[in-house]
Amino acid sequence: MQNKISPIINAVSNISKKSTGKIADIAKYKHYKKGELITSVGQKNNLEYFITSG
């Protein structure tokens, strides 16, 4: 899955492959159905979301 998020991360900030690998190692992947909300206005969270397709 690292190959899916590496280009997204590098588009924002060019970090080392080692750092990208560490992010990929701790990342949790979840599939959402079309139209399903990921977060809501006013909801507090400490997560980062990467949309890999759709």
C-alpha atoms as a PDB file:
ATOM      1  CA  MET A   1       0.000   0.000   0.000  1.00  0.00           C
ATOM      2  CA  GLN A   2       2.975   2.329   0.376  1.00  0.00           C
ATOM      3  CA  ASN A   3       2.945   2.793  -3.384  1.00  0.00           C
ATOM      4  CA  LYS A   4      -0.543   4.285  -3.134  1.00  0.00           C
ATOM      5  CA  ILE A   5       0.201   6.943  -0.532  1.00  0.00           C
ATOM      6  CA  SER A   6       3.805   7.847  -1.428  1.00  0.00           C
ATOM      7  CA  PRO A   7       2.854   9.977  -4.474  1.00  0.00           C
ATOM      8  CA  ILE A   8       0.183  11.760  -2.435  1.00  0.00           C
ATOM      9  CA  ILE A   9       2.606  12.584   0.384  1.00  0.00           C
ATOM     10  CA  ASN A  10       5.348  13.651  -2.014  1.00  0.00           C
ATOM     11  CA  ALA A  11       2.941  15.966  -3.843  1.00  0.00           C
ATOM     12  CA  VAL A  12       2.541  17.903  -0.599  1.00  0.00           C
ATOM     13  CA  SER A  13       6.049  17.578   0.844  1.00  0.00           C
ATOM     14  CA  ASN A  14       9.053  15.801  -0.622  1.00  0.00           C
ATOM     15  CA  ILE A  15      10.203  13.606   2.276  1.00  0.00           C
ATOM     16  CA  SER A  16      12.596  10.670   2.297  1.00  0.00           C
ATOM     17  CA  LYS A  17      11.548   7.184   1.234  1.00  0.00           C
ATOM     18  CA  LYS A  18      12.410   6.030   4.755  1.00  0.00           C
ATOM     19  CA  SER A  19       9.959   8.527   6.278  1.00  0.00           C
ATOM     20  CA  THR A  20       7.280   7.669   3.735  1.00  0.00           C
ATOM     21  CA  GLY A  21       7.808   3.996   4.573  1.00  0.00           C
ATOM     22  CA  LYS A  22       7.328   4.697   8.277  1.00  0.00           C
ATOM     23  CA  ILE A  23       4.062   6.500   7.557  1.00  0.00           C
ATOM     24  CA  ALA A  24       2.913   3.585   5.396  1.00  0.00           C
ATOM     25  CA  ASP A  25       3.809   1.130   8.166  1.00  0.00           C
ATOM     26  CA  ILE A  26       1.495   2.789  10.682  1.00  0.00           C
ATOM     27  CA  ALA A  27      -1.261   3.788   8.243  1.00  0.00           C
ATOM     28  CA  LYS A  28      -4.648   2.131   8.527  1.00  0.00           C
ATOM     29  CA  TYR A  29      -6.598   1.624   5.335  1.00  0.00           C
ATOM     30  CA  LYS A  30     -10.366   1.782   5.226  1.00  0.00           C
ATOM     31  CA  HIS A  31     -12.826   1.544   2.351  1.00  0.00           C
ATOM     32  CA  TYR A  32     -15.775   3.912   2.320  1.00  0.00           C
ATOM     33  CA  LYS A  33     -18.904   3.503   0.256  1.00  0.00           C
ATOM     34  CA  LYS A  34     -19.813   6.167  -2.282  1.00  0.00           C
ATOM     35  CA  GLY A  35     -21.460   9.073  -0.469  1.00  0.00           C
ATOM     36  CA  GLU A  36     -20.336   7.925   2.990  1.00  0.00           C
ATOM     37  CA  LEU A  37     -18.934  10.759   5.106  1.00  0.00           C
ATOM     38  CA  ILE A  38     -15.391  10.494   6.409  1.00  0.00           C
ATOM     39  CA  THR A  39     -15.734  13.337   8.908  1.00  0.00           C
ATOM     40  CA  SER A  40     -18.268  16.031   9.802  1.00  0.00           C
ATOM     41  CA  VAL A  41     -18.083  19.787  10.175  1.00  0.00           C
ATOM     42  CA  GLY A  42     -17.042  20.634  13.732  1.00  0.00           C
ATOM     43  CA  GLN A  43     -15.803  17.107  14.481  1.00  0.00           C
ATOM     44  CA  LYS A  44     -12.432  17.161  16.222  1.00  0.00           C
ATOM     45  CA  ASN A  45      -9.908  14.490  15.305  1.00  0.00           C
ATOM     46  CA  ASN A  46      -6.177  13.956  15.056  1.00  0.00           C
ATOM     47  CA  LEU A  47      -6.224  11.876  11.890  1.00  0.00           C
ATOM     48  CA  GLU A  48      -4.914  12.491   8.400  1.00  0.00           C
ATOM     49  CA  TYR A  49      -6.884  11.162   5.430  1.00  0.00           C
ATOM     50  CA  PHE A  50      -5.478  10.207   2.033  1.00  0.00           C
ATOM     51  CA  ILE A  51      -7.981   9.454  -0.716  1.00  0.00           C
ATOM     52  CA  THR A  52      -6.308   6.887  -2.958  1.00  0.00           C
ATOM     53  CA  SER A  53      -9.154   6.442  -5.455  1.00  0.00           C
ATOM     54  CA  GLY A  54     -12.683   7.514  -6.149  1.00  0.00           C
END
